Amino acid sequence: MTRAASADAGVASRRDRAPASHAGGLRLGIDFDNTLIAYDRVFRAQARARKLLSGGFRGSKQAVRDAVRLLPDGEIAWQRLQGYVYGQGIGEAALFAGVDRFLRRCRQAGHTVFIVSHKTEYANYDPTRVNLRAAALGFMEMHGFFDPRRYAIARENVFFEGTRADKLARIAALRCTHFVDDLVEVLTDPGFPAGIERVLFGRAGNTRTPGLRVCASWREIAAAVLAEAPR
């Protein structure tokens, strides 16, 4: 069985199974793309390599997106770029600063970590048809997510959902105590399950939503969720 087939079979076979968890502790749900894993450098490099941006361009993934979309056929170019970065190019990405310490602290404290990602199997404009879910699992494997000596996250605690509604339903079914996401529209969706502490990873900007905690770094998230003083 190929890795792609294995990834799909694994996700499908456990949709109705009880999640693996530790006795007691928090039940922490975390988004994957742009929450745990940073793509800014990869998007800049690939956009330059494809001559979509000048060699001197500086900016985040969002800045790359905004600039590319202004080009002729920019929306298609952006989707092709995304297809590469989230698939073949994912190995060039990195964990955000502070994620390693946060996940190690969760393991040490006996908290249960779930990764819940809104991720389709294939990108619409990727001619190589790389399975994006398999690529994400490969990144997790490479970075020790499942290694008992590092983060010790159970493989069955990783979920990929095809729609935002399915993602929200999964979060509810897992009975998370907290959920961390970089998208305010996910955390403020009317369908987001009640009773879960919502943590937005990013800058506050104009976000003034009651009950929504905004953290600009994983150090701040650790302070908010694990009661760990920022250093």
C-alpha atoms as a PDB file:
ATOM      1  CA  MET A   1       0.000   0.000   0.000  1.00  0.00           C
ATOM      2  CA  THR A   2       1.326   3.463  -0.871  1.00  0.00           C
ATOM      3  CA  ARG A   3       1.783   6.120   1.806  1.00  0.00           C
ATOM      4  CA  ALA A   4      -1.088   8.095   0.249  1.00  0.00           C
ATOM      5  CA  ALA A   5      -3.437   5.112   0.342  1.00  0.00           C
ATOM      6  CA  SER A   6      -2.314   4.277   3.847  1.00  0.00           C
ATOM      7  CA  ALA A   7      -2.978   7.831   5.034  1.00  0.00           C
ATOM      8  CA  ASP A   8      -6.478   7.863   3.562  1.00  0.00           C
ATOM      9  CA  ALA A   9      -7.286   4.416   4.916  1.00  0.00           C
ATOM     10  CA  GLY A  10      -6.055   5.365   8.357  1.00  0.00           C
ATOM     11  CA  VAL A  11      -8.185   8.500   8.478  1.00  0.00           C
ATOM     12  CA  ALA A  12     -11.268   6.697   7.200  1.00  0.00           C
ATOM     13  CA  SER A  13     -10.928   3.665   9.472  1.00  0.00           C
ATOM     14  CA  ARG A  14     -10.915   5.652  12.720  1.00  0.00           C
ATOM     15  CA  ARG A  15     -13.609   8.233  12.158  1.00  0.00           C
ATOM     16  CA  ASP A  16     -15.887   6.575  14.693  1.00  0.00           C
ATOM     17  CA  ARG A  17     -13.244   5.285  17.093  1.00  0.00           C
ATOM     18  CA  ALA A  18     -12.707   6.769  20.541  1.00  0.00           C
ATOM     19  CA  PRO A  19      -9.596   8.994  20.548  1.00  0.00           C
ATOM     20  CA  ALA A  20      -6.482   7.913  22.371  1.00  0.00           C
ATOM     21  CA  SER A  21      -5.889   9.963  25.509  1.00  0.00           C
ATOM     22  CA  HIS A  22      -4.000  10.128  28.774  1.00  0.00           C
ATOM     23  CA  ALA A  23      -5.719   9.893  32.117  1.00  0.00           C
ATOM     24  CA  GLY A  24      -6.675  13.395  33.195  1.00  0.00           C
ATOM     25  CA  GLY A  25      -5.013  16.533  31.903  1.00  0.00           C
ATOM     26  CA  LEU A  26      -6.056  18.927  29.175  1.00  0.00           C
ATOM     27  CA  ARG A  27      -7.401  17.896  25.777  1.00  0.00           C
ATOM     28  CA  LEU A  28      -5.646  20.291  23.427  1.00  0.00           C
ATOM     29  CA  GLY A  29      -6.779  20.588  19.837  1.00  0.00           C
ATOM     30  CA  ILE A  30      -4.392  22.310  17.432  1.00  0.00           C
ATOM     31  CA  ASP A  31      -4.674  23.252  13.769  1.00  0.00           C
ATOM     32  CA  PHE A  32      -1.717  22.249  11.559  1.00  0.00           C
ATOM     33  CA  ASP A  33      -0.982  24.530   8.586  1.00  0.00           C
ATOM     34  CA  ASN A  34       0.206  28.013   9.590  1.00  0.00           C
ATOM     35  CA  THR A  35      -0.381  27.201  13.260  1.00  0.00           C
ATOM     36  CA  LEU A  36       2.190  24.527  14.038  1.00  0.00           C
ATOM     37  CA  ILE A  37       4.106  24.725  10.774  1.00  0.00           C
ATOM     38  CA  ALA A  38       5.488  27.923   9.218  1.00  0.00           C
ATOM     39  CA  TYR A  39       5.559  28.270   5.426  1.00  0.00           C
ATOM     40  CA  ASP A  40       6.574  31.907   4.948  1.00  0.00           C
ATOM     41  CA  ARG A  41      10.110  31.164   3.782  1.00  0.00           C
ATOM     42  CA  VAL A  42       8.947  28.417   1.409  1.00  0.00           C
ATOM     43  CA  PHE A  43       6.284  30.580  -0.199  1.00  0.00           C
ATOM     44  CA  ARG A  44       8.759  33.440  -0.740  1.00  0.00           C
ATOM     45  CA  ALA A  45      11.405  31.156  -2.243  1.00  0.00           C
ATOM     46  CA  GLN A  46       8.989  29.380  -4.572  1.00  0.00           C
ATOM     47  CA  ALA A  47       7.304  32.601  -5.694  1.00  0.00           C
ATOM     48  CA  ARG A  48      10.727  34.033  -6.596  1.00  0.00           C
ATOM     49  CA  ALA A  49      11.765  30.808  -8.344  1.00  0.00           C
ATOM     50  CA  ARG A  50       8.590  30.948 -10.473  1.00  0.00           C
ATOM     51  CA  LYS A  51       9.269  34.623 -11.311  1.00  0.00           C
ATOM     52  CA  LEU A  52       6.026  35.628  -9.639  1.00  0.00           C
ATOM     53  CA  LEU A  53       7.856  38.029  -7.324  1.00  0.00           C
ATOM     54  CA  SER A  54      11.101  39.954  -7.502  1.00  0.00           C
ATOM     55  CA  GLY A  55      14.217  38.591  -5.871  1.00  0.00           C
ATOM     56  CA  GLY A  56      14.110  41.339  -3.276  1.00  0.00           C
ATOM     57  CA  PHE A  57      10.560  40.667  -2.124  1.00  0.00           C
ATOM     58  CA  ARG A  58      10.137  40.421   1.635  1.00  0.00           C
ATOM     59  CA  GLY A  59       6.985  39.424   3.427  1.00  0.00           C
ATOM     60  CA  SER A  60       4.859  36.725   5.001  1.00  0.00           C
ATOM     61  CA  LYS A  61       2.814  34.044   3.306  1.00  0.00           C
ATOM     62  CA  GLN A  62      -0.144  36.423   3.329  1.00  0.00           C
ATOM     63  CA  ALA A  63       1.947  39.139   1.678  1.00  0.00           C
ATOM     64  CA  VAL A  64       3.017  36.641  -1.006  1.00  0.00           C
ATOM     65  CA  ARG A  65      -0.607  35.657  -1.567  1.00  0.00           C
ATOM     66  CA  ASP A  66      -1.766  39.245  -1.885  1.00  0.00           C
ATOM     67  CA  ALA A  67       1.023  40.126  -4.335  1.00  0.00           C
ATOM     68  CA  VAL A  68       0.591  37.027  -6.514  1.00  0.00           C
ATOM     69  CA  ARG A  69      -3.168  37.464  -6.736  1.00  0.00           C
ATOM     70  CA  LEU A  70      -2.658  40.887  -8.311  1.00  0.00           C
ATOM     71  CA  LEU A  71      -0.879  39.329 -11.299  1.00  0.00           C
ATOM     72  CA  PRO A  72      -2.666  38.288 -14.515  1.00  0.00           C
ATOM     73  CA  ASP A  73      -4.208  34.864 -13.756  1.00  0.00           C
ATOM     74  CA  GLY A  74      -2.926  35.466 -10.251  1.00  0.00           C
ATOM     75  CA  GLU A  75      -5.541  33.340  -8.490  1.00  0.00           C
ATOM     76  CA  ILE A  76      -4.546  30.272 -10.526  1.00  0.00           C
ATOM     77  CA  ALA A  77      -0.853  31.011  -9.948  1.00  0.00           C
ATOM     78  CA  TRP A  78      -1.489  31.264  -6.213  1.00  0.00           C
ATOM     79  CA  GLN A  79      -3.355  27.958  -6.096  1.00  0.00           C
ATOM     80  CA  ARG A  80      -0.564  26.244  -8.021  1.00  0.00           C
ATOM     81  CA  LEU A  81       1.949  27.693  -5.592  1.00  0.00           C
ATOM     82  CA  GLN A  82      -0.077  26.442  -2.637  1.00  0.00           C
ATOM     83  CA  GLY A  83      -0.344  22.983  -4.180  1.00  0.00           C
ATOM     84  CA  TYR A  84       3.420  22.721  -4.407  1.00  0.00           C
ATOM     85  CA  VAL A  85       4.229  24.131  -0.966  1.00  0.00           C
ATOM     86  CA  TYR A  86       1.698  21.991   0.926  1.00  0.00           C
ATOM     87  CA  GLY A  87       2.711  18.914  -1.053  1.00  0.00           C
ATOM     88  CA  GLN A  88       6.181  18.461  -2.538  1.00  0.00           C
ATOM     89  CA  GLY A  89       7.578  21.518  -0.760  1.00  0.00           C
ATOM     90  CA  ILE A  90       6.411  20.774   2.783  1.00  0.00           C
ATOM     91  CA  GLY A  91       9.811  19.378   3.744  1.00  0.00           C
ATOM     92  CA  GLU A  92      11.276  22.866   3.355  1.00  0.00           C
ATOM     93  CA  ALA A  93       8.908  24.286   5.995  1.00  0.00           C
ATOM     94  CA  ALA A  94       9.646  24.458   9.719  1.00  0.00           C
ATOM     95  CA  LEU A  95       7.884  24.426  13.055  1.00  0.00           C
ATOM     96  CA  PHE A  96       7.127  27.830  14.525  1.00  0.00           C
ATOM     97  CA  ALA A  97       9.446  28.956  17.288  1.00  0.00           C
ATOM     98  CA  GLY A  98       8.167  27.675  20.620  1.00  0.00           C
ATOM     99  CA  VAL A  99       6.208  24.718  19.238  1.00  0.00           C
ATOM    100  CA  ASP A 100       8.905  22.206  20.212  1.00  0.00           C
ATOM    101  CA  ARG A 101       8.919  23.340  23.839  1.00  0.00           C
ATOM    102  CA  PHE A 102       5.121  23.522  23.984  1.00  0.00           C
ATOM    103  CA  LEU A 103       4.610  19.971  22.704  1.00  0.00           C
ATOM    104  CA  ARG A 104       7.330  18.585  24.970  1.00  0.00           C
ATOM    105  CA  ARG A 105       5.676  20.267  27.953  1.00  0.00           C
ATOM    106  CA  CYS A 106       2.343  18.722  26.963  1.00  0.00           C
ATOM    107  CA  ARG A 107       3.942  15.280  26.881  1.00  0.00           C
ATOM    108  CA  GLN A 108       5.613  15.798  30.252  1.00  0.00           C
ATOM    109  CA  ALA A 109       2.397  17.035  31.868  1.00  0.00           C
ATOM    110  CA  GLY A 110       0.299  14.201  30.450  1.00  0.00           C
ATOM    111  CA  HIS A 111      -1.960  16.407  28.339  1.00  0.00           C
ATOM    112  CA  THR A 112      -3.627  14.902  25.267  1.00  0.00           C
ATOM    113  CA  VAL A 113      -2.840  16.629  21.970  1.00  0.00           C
ATOM    114  CA  PHE A 114      -5.070  16.343  18.909  1.00  0.00           C
ATOM    115  CA  ILE A 115      -4.211  17.779  15.501  1.00  0.00           C
ATOM    116  CA  VAL A 116      -7.329  18.699  13.534  1.00  0.00           C
ATOM    117  CA  SER A 117      -6.702  20.098  10.075  1.00  0.00           C
ATOM    118  CA  HIS A 118      -9.006  21.263   7.286  1.00  0.00           C
ATOM    119  CA  LYS A 119      -7.040  19.665   4.461  1.00  0.00           C
ATOM    120  CA  THR A 120      -8.207  18.098   1.220  1.00  0.00           C
ATOM    121  CA  GLU A 121      -6.411  15.077  -0.208  1.00  0.00           C
ATOM    122  CA  TYR A 122      -5.238  16.826  -3.375  1.00  0.00           C
ATOM    123  CA  ALA A 123      -4.719  20.405  -4.520  1.00  0.00           C
ATOM    124  CA  ASN A 124      -6.836  21.546  -7.457  1.00  0.00           C
ATOM    125  CA  TYR A 125      -3.889  22.832  -9.487  1.00  0.00           C
ATOM    126  CA  ASP A 126      -1.103  20.384  -8.643  1.00  0.00           C
ATOM    127  CA  PRO A 127      -0.175  18.407 -11.786  1.00  0.00           C
ATOM    128  CA  THR A 128       1.885  15.959  -9.711  1.00  0.00           C
ATOM    129  CA  ARG A 129      -1.177  14.953  -7.632  1.00  0.00           C
ATOM    130  CA  VAL A 130       0.727  14.711  -4.360  1.00  0.00           C
ATOM    131  CA  ASN A 131      -1.499  13.532  -1.515  1.00  0.00           C
ATOM    132  CA  LEU A 132      -1.460  16.519   0.851  1.00  0.00           C
ATOM    133  CA  ARG A 133      -2.527  14.481   3.863  1.00  0.00           C
ATOM    134  CA  ALA A 134       0.249  11.960   3.346  1.00  0.00           C
ATOM    135  CA  ALA A 135       2.724  14.824   2.915  1.00  0.00           C
ATOM    136  CA  ALA A 136       1.594  16.346   6.225  1.00  0.00           C
ATOM    137  CA  LEU A 137       1.940  13.007   8.004  1.00  0.00           C
ATOM    138  CA  GLY A 138       5.417  12.671   6.523  1.00  0.00           C
ATOM    139  CA  PHE A 139       6.369  16.061   7.961  1.00  0.00           C
ATOM    140  CA  MET A 140       5.052  15.037  11.366  1.00  0.00           C
ATOM    141  CA  GLU A 141       7.005  11.801  11.232  1.00  0.00           C
ATOM    142  CA  MET A 142      10.184  13.619  10.245  1.00  0.00           C
ATOM    143  CA  HIS A 143       9.819  16.099  13.105  1.00  0.00           C
ATOM    144  CA  GLY A 144       9.161  13.563  15.834  1.00  0.00           C
ATOM    145  CA  PHE A 145       5.453  14.117  16.418  1.00  0.00           C
ATOM    146  CA  PHE A 146       4.894  10.406  17.036  1.00  0.00           C
ATOM    147  CA  ASP A 147       8.229   9.665  18.693  1.00  0.00           C
ATOM    148  CA  PRO A 148       7.664   8.773  22.380  1.00  0.00           C
ATOM    149  CA  ARG A 149      10.952  10.512  23.210  1.00  0.00           C
ATOM    150  CA  ARG A 150       9.836  13.795  21.662  1.00  0.00           C
ATOM    151  CA  TYR A 151       6.147  14.749  21.421  1.00  0.00           C
ATOM    152  CA  ALA A 152       4.500  11.301  21.767  1.00  0.00           C
ATOM    153  CA  ILE A 153       1.340  12.326  19.906  1.00  0.00           C
ATOM    154  CA  ALA A 154      -0.758   9.265  19.051  1.00  0.00           C
ATOM    155  CA  ARG A 155      -1.132   8.801  15.298  1.00  0.00           C
ATOM    156  CA  GLU A 156      -4.838   8.207  15.797  1.00  0.00           C
ATOM    157  CA  ASN A 157      -5.080  11.710  17.267  1.00  0.00           C
ATOM    158  CA  VAL A 158      -4.361  13.304  13.867  1.00  0.00           C
ATOM    159  CA  PHE A 159      -7.445  14.161  11.829  1.00  0.00           C
ATOM    160  CA  PHE A 160      -7.829  15.654   8.359  1.00  0.00           C
ATOM    161  CA  GLU A 161     -11.242  16.997   7.432  1.00  0.00           C
ATOM    162  CA  GLY A 162     -12.507  18.016   4.000  1.00  0.00           C
ATOM    163  CA  THR A 163     -14.653  20.957   5.100  1.00  0.00           C
ATOM    164  CA  ARG A 164     -14.689  23.512   7.894  1.00  0.00           C
ATOM    165  CA  ALA A 165     -17.988  22.094   9.138  1.00  0.00           C
ATOM    166  CA  ASP A 166     -16.413  18.643   9.434  1.00  0.00           C
ATOM    167  CA  LYS A 167     -13.461  20.167  11.294  1.00  0.00           C
ATOM    168  CA  LEU A 168     -15.770  21.825  13.823  1.00  0.00           C
ATOM    169  CA  ALA A 169     -17.716  18.595  14.273  1.00  0.00           C
ATOM    170  CA  ARG A 170     -14.462  16.745  14.905  1.00  0.00           C
ATOM    171  CA  ILE A 171     -13.373  19.291  17.524  1.00  0.00           C
ATOM    172  CA  ALA A 172     -16.692  18.825  19.302  1.00  0.00           C
ATOM    173  CA  ALA A 173     -16.497  15.017  19.137  1.00  0.00           C
ATOM    174  CA  LEU A 174     -13.000  15.053  20.646  1.00  0.00           C
ATOM    175  CA  ARG A 175     -14.256  17.059  23.634  1.00  0.00           C
ATOM    176  CA  CYS A 176     -11.304  19.430  23.457  1.00  0.00           C
ATOM    177  CA  THR A 177     -10.740  21.760  26.379  1.00  0.00           C
ATOM    178  CA  HIS A 178      -8.832  24.221  24.148  1.00  0.00           C
ATOM    179  CA  PHE A 179      -8.380  24.762  20.433  1.00  0.00           C
ATOM    180  CA  VAL A 180      -5.565  26.745  18.802  1.00  0.00           C
ATOM    181  CA  ASP A 181      -5.961  28.039  15.235  1.00  0.00           C
ATOM    182  CA  ASP A 182      -4.506  30.828  13.102  1.00  0.00           C
ATOM    183  CA  LEU A 183      -7.835  31.583  11.416  1.00  0.00           C
ATOM    184  CA  VAL A 184     -10.228  33.833  13.295  1.00  0.00           C
ATOM    185  CA  GLU A 185     -13.045  32.723  10.981  1.00  0.00           C
ATOM    186  CA  VAL A 186     -12.719  29.172  12.307  1.00  0.00           C
ATOM    187  CA  LEU A 187     -12.758  30.176  15.964  1.00  0.00           C
ATOM    188  CA  THR A 188     -15.674  32.613  15.504  1.00  0.00           C
ATOM    189  CA  ASP A 189     -17.741  30.372  13.246  1.00  0.00           C
ATOM    190  CA  PRO A 190     -21.303  30.055  14.617  1.00  0.00           C
ATOM    191  CA  GLY A 191     -20.824  26.289  14.493  1.00  0.00           C
ATOM    192  CA  PHE A 192     -17.758  26.291  16.748  1.00  0.00           C
ATOM    193  CA  PRO A 193     -18.605  24.083  19.738  1.00  0.00           C
ATOM    194  CA  ALA A 194     -19.394  25.856  22.987  1.00  0.00           C
ATOM    195  CA  GLY A 195     -17.395  25.354  26.149  1.00  0.00           C
ATOM    196  CA  ILE A 196     -13.977  25.178  24.456  1.00  0.00           C
ATOM    197  CA  GLU A 197     -11.350  27.812  25.164  1.00  0.00           C
ATOM    198  CA  ARG A 198     -10.477  29.396  21.824  1.00  0.00           C
ATOM    199  CA  VAL A 199      -6.907  30.555  21.207  1.00  0.00           C
ATOM    200  CA  LEU A 200      -6.071  32.577  18.097  1.00  0.00           C
ATOM    201  CA  PHE A 201      -2.442  32.333  17.010  1.00  0.00           C
ATOM    202  CA  GLY A 202      -1.545  35.654  15.448  1.00  0.00           C
ATOM    203  CA  ARG A 203      -1.699  39.377  15.904  1.00  0.00           C
ATOM    204  CA  ALA A 204      -4.808  40.801  17.505  1.00  0.00           C
ATOM    205  CA  GLY A 205      -5.449  43.467  14.844  1.00  0.00           C
ATOM    206  CA  ASN A 206      -9.108  44.406  15.001  1.00  0.00           C
ATOM    207  CA  THR A 207     -10.126  41.158  16.664  1.00  0.00           C
ATOM    208  CA  ARG A 208     -12.237  41.991  19.711  1.00  0.00           C
ATOM    209  CA  THR A 209     -14.287  38.848  20.211  1.00  0.00           C
ATOM    210  CA  PRO A 210     -15.420  37.992  23.748  1.00  0.00           C
ATOM    211  CA  GLY A 211     -13.958  34.685  24.905  1.00  0.00           C
ATOM    212  CA  LEU A 212     -11.283  34.640  22.198  1.00  0.00           C
ATOM    213  CA  ARG A 213      -7.723  34.724  23.526  1.00  0.00           C
ATOM    214  CA  VAL A 214      -5.162  36.126  21.067  1.00  0.00           C
ATOM    215  CA  CYS A 215      -1.525  35.026  21.341  1.00  0.00           C
ATOM    216  CA  ALA A 216       1.208  36.346  19.064  1.00  0.00           C
ATOM    217  CA  SER A 217       3.647  33.507  19.768  1.00  0.00           C
ATOM    218  CA  TRP A 218       3.815  29.975  21.070  1.00  0.00           C
ATOM    219  CA  ARG A 219       5.456  31.323  24.213  1.00  0.00           C
ATOM    220  CA  GLU A 220       2.290  33.312  24.839  1.00  0.00           C
ATOM    221  CA  ILE A 221       0.180  30.240  24.110  1.00  0.00           C
ATOM    222  CA  ALA A 222       2.206  28.243  26.644  1.00  0.00           C
ATOM    223  CA  ALA A 223       1.659  30.993  29.207  1.00  0.00           C
ATOM    224  CA  ALA A 224      -2.077  31.073  28.518  1.00  0.00           C
ATOM    225  CA  VAL A 225      -2.759  27.356  28.237  1.00  0.00           C
ATOM    226  CA  LEU A 226      -0.077  25.697  30.364  1.00  0.00           C
ATOM    227  CA  ALA A 227       0.281  28.519  32.896  1.00  0.00           C
ATOM    228  CA  GLU A 228       3.936  28.784  31.905  1.00  0.00           C
ATOM    229  CA  ALA A 229       5.546  32.177  32.379  1.00  0.00           C
ATOM    230  CA  PRO A 230       6.860  33.633  29.064  1.00  0.00           C
ATOM    231  CA  ARG A 231      10.643  33.860  28.926  1.00  0.00           C
END
